[in-house]
Amino acid sequence: MHDSHEHHHGHHEEHSHEHEAAQNTDEPMETTRLRKMVEHWISHNEDHAGSYRLWASRAREAGYREAGGILEEIASEVIEQNKKFIAIIQIIDSSK
């Protein structure tokens, strides 16, 4: 079962995400899907972090130094999340 819907994040390009229902009938396929989703989330986070950093710079240029600092912190937190996603990939890869 697929539950597809679009997320609008204010990007110039819209994209959709598929959310897979848990089905353990074909474990290798589910493992492949899980790994692909984690890779997607890493990429997605990197895109968001870049956008946050861009807007942090713009906020500072507009005189909103504190807001720019908060955006920088958020970007760093998103990149930290990726370390956990990378750990998931390592767990998947080590179980093969």
C-alpha atoms as a PDB file:
ATOM      1  CA  MET A   1       0.000   0.000   0.000  1.00  0.00           C
ATOM      2  CA  HIS A   2       1.360   3.408  -0.928  1.00  0.00           C
ATOM      3  CA  ASP A   3       0.285   6.635   0.667  1.00  0.00           C
ATOM      4  CA  SER A   4       1.603   9.295  -1.698  1.00  0.00           C
ATOM      5  CA  HIS A   5       1.162  12.960  -1.079  1.00  0.00           C
ATOM      6  CA  GLU A   6       2.955  16.148  -1.846  1.00  0.00           C
ATOM      7  CA  HIS A   7       4.836  18.269   0.638  1.00  0.00           C
ATOM      8  CA  HIS A   8       5.149  21.944  -0.160  1.00  0.00           C
ATOM      9  CA  HIS A   9       8.251  23.318   1.501  1.00  0.00           C
ATOM     10  CA  GLY A  10       8.469  26.607  -0.324  1.00  0.00           C
ATOM     11  CA  HIS A  11      11.023  25.249  -2.775  1.00  0.00           C
ATOM     12  CA  HIS A  12      10.997  26.292  -6.358  1.00  0.00           C
ATOM     13  CA  GLU A  13      10.454  22.669  -7.246  1.00  0.00           C
ATOM     14  CA  GLU A  14       7.637  20.687  -5.697  1.00  0.00           C
ATOM     15  CA  HIS A  15       8.136  17.056  -4.890  1.00  0.00           C
ATOM     16  CA  SER A  16       6.213  14.208  -3.403  1.00  0.00           C
ATOM     17  CA  HIS A  17       7.117  11.545  -0.921  1.00  0.00           C
ATOM     18  CA  GLU A  18       5.867   8.011  -0.755  1.00  0.00           C
ATOM     19  CA  HIS A  19       5.234   6.577   2.657  1.00  0.00           C
ATOM     20  CA  GLU A  20       5.398   2.819   2.617  1.00  0.00           C
ATOM     21  CA  ALA A  21       3.184   0.690   4.795  1.00  0.00           C
ATOM     22  CA  ALA A  22       5.153  -1.844   6.806  1.00  0.00           C
ATOM     23  CA  GLN A  23       5.084  -5.166   5.022  1.00  0.00           C
ATOM     24  CA  ASN A  24       7.576  -7.847   5.954  1.00  0.00           C
ATOM     25  CA  THR A  25       6.563 -10.186   3.139  1.00  0.00           C
ATOM     26  CA  ASP A  26       9.664  -9.408   1.101  1.00  0.00           C
ATOM     27  CA  GLU A  27      12.396  -8.402   3.531  1.00  0.00           C
ATOM     28  CA  PRO A  28      15.191  -7.783   0.968  1.00  0.00           C
ATOM     29  CA  MET A  29      12.892  -5.425  -0.962  1.00  0.00           C
ATOM     30  CA  GLU A  30      11.850  -3.654   2.251  1.00  0.00           C
ATOM     31  CA  THR A  31      15.514  -3.295   3.201  1.00  0.00           C
ATOM     32  CA  THR A  32      16.240  -1.772  -0.198  1.00  0.00           C
ATOM     33  CA  ARG A  33      13.298   0.608   0.185  1.00  0.00           C
ATOM     34  CA  LEU A  34      14.385   1.581   3.693  1.00  0.00           C
ATOM     35  CA  ARG A  35      17.917   2.318   2.511  1.00  0.00           C
ATOM     36  CA  LYS A  36      16.623   4.389  -0.409  1.00  0.00           C
ATOM     37  CA  MET A  37      14.311   6.363   1.868  1.00  0.00           C
ATOM     38  CA  VAL A  38      17.160   7.075   4.298  1.00  0.00           C
ATOM     39  CA  GLU A  39      19.354   8.207   1.393  1.00  0.00           C
ATOM     40  CA  HIS A  40      16.513  10.465   0.251  1.00  0.00           C
ATOM     41  CA  TRP A  41      16.124  11.960   3.727  1.00  0.00           C
ATOM     42  CA  ILE A  42      19.858  12.678   3.904  1.00  0.00           C
ATOM     43  CA  SER A  43      19.749  14.477   0.572  1.00  0.00           C
ATOM     44  CA  HIS A  44      16.573  16.299   1.547  1.00  0.00           C
ATOM     45  CA  ASN A  45      18.163  17.468   4.810  1.00  0.00           C
ATOM     46  CA  GLU A  46      21.257  18.681   2.959  1.00  0.00           C
ATOM     47  CA  ASP A  47      19.030  20.697   0.615  1.00  0.00           C
ATOM     48  CA  HIS A  48      17.172  22.213   3.554  1.00  0.00           C
ATOM     49  CA  ALA A  49      20.380  23.004   5.442  1.00  0.00           C
ATOM     50  CA  GLY A  50      21.697  24.853   2.396  1.00  0.00           C
ATOM     51  CA  SER A  51      18.486  26.831   2.151  1.00  0.00           C
ATOM     52  CA  TYR A  52      18.565  27.679   5.868  1.00  0.00           C
ATOM     53  CA  ARG A  53      22.147  28.909   5.560  1.00  0.00           C
ATOM     54  CA  LEU A  54      21.271  31.034   2.541  1.00  0.00           C
ATOM     55  CA  TRP A  55      18.394  32.619   4.412  1.00  0.00           C
ATOM     56  CA  ALA A  56      20.545  33.055   7.520  1.00  0.00           C
ATOM     57  CA  SER A  57      22.876  35.182   5.429  1.00  0.00           C
ATOM     58  CA  ARG A  58      19.989  37.121   3.940  1.00  0.00           C
ATOM     59  CA  ALA A  59      18.468  37.686   7.396  1.00  0.00           C
ATOM     60  CA  ARG A  60      21.752  39.098   8.678  1.00  0.00           C
ATOM     61  CA  GLU A  61      22.087  41.345   5.634  1.00  0.00           C
ATOM     62  CA  ALA A  62      18.581  42.629   6.354  1.00  0.00           C
ATOM     63  CA  GLY A  63      19.607  43.452   9.914  1.00  0.00           C
ATOM     64  CA  TYR A  64      18.134  40.375  11.600  1.00  0.00           C
ATOM     65  CA  ARG A  65      21.349  39.062  13.125  1.00  0.00           C
ATOM     66  CA  GLU A  66      19.650  36.962  15.793  1.00  0.00           C
ATOM     67  CA  ALA A  67      17.256  35.386  13.279  1.00  0.00           C
ATOM     68  CA  GLY A  68      20.223  34.571  11.048  1.00  0.00           C
ATOM     69  CA  GLY A  69      21.951  32.904  13.980  1.00  0.00           C
ATOM     70  CA  ILE A  70      18.889  30.789  14.724  1.00  0.00           C
ATOM     71  CA  LEU A  71      18.686  29.687  11.095  1.00  0.00           C
ATOM     72  CA  GLU A  72      22.368  28.687  11.244  1.00  0.00           C
ATOM     73  CA  GLU A  73      21.652  26.627  14.365  1.00  0.00           C
ATOM     74  CA  ILE A  74      18.749  24.895  12.643  1.00  0.00           C
ATOM     75  CA  ALA A  75      20.962  24.093   9.640  1.00  0.00           C
ATOM     76  CA  SER A  76      23.546  22.544  11.964  1.00  0.00           C
ATOM     77  CA  GLU A  77      20.867  20.501  13.745  1.00  0.00           C
ATOM     78  CA  VAL A  78      19.599  19.142  10.427  1.00  0.00           C
ATOM     79  CA  ILE A  79      23.130  18.090   9.460  1.00  0.00           C
ATOM     80  CA  GLU A  80      23.462  16.410  12.884  1.00  0.00           C
ATOM     81  CA  GLN A  81      20.301  14.421  12.084  1.00  0.00           C
ATOM     82  CA  ASN A  82      22.069  13.119   9.000  1.00  0.00           C
ATOM     83  CA  LYS A  83      24.666  11.457  11.224  1.00  0.00           C
ATOM     84  CA  LYS A  84      21.859   9.316  12.631  1.00  0.00           C
ATOM     85  CA  PHE A  85      20.595   8.521   9.138  1.00  0.00           C
ATOM     86  CA  ILE A  86      24.134   7.511   8.129  1.00  0.00           C
ATOM     87  CA  ALA A  87      24.223   5.214  11.163  1.00  0.00           C
ATOM     88  CA  ILE A  88      21.041   3.554   9.865  1.00  0.00           C
ATOM     89  CA  ILE A  89      22.674   2.952   6.487  1.00  0.00           C
ATOM     90  CA  GLN A  90      25.704   1.448   8.241  1.00  0.00           C
ATOM     91  CA  ILE A  91      23.418  -0.871  10.222  1.00  0.00           C
ATOM     92  CA  ILE A  92      21.661  -1.973   7.039  1.00  0.00           C
ATOM     93  CA  ASP A  93      24.926  -2.474   5.166  1.00  0.00           C
ATOM     94  CA  SER A  94      26.551  -4.425   8.000  1.00  0.00           C
ATOM     95  CA  SER A  95      23.657  -6.881   8.124  1.00  0.00           C
ATOM     96  CA  LYS A  96      24.160  -8.018   4.530  1.00  0.00           C
END
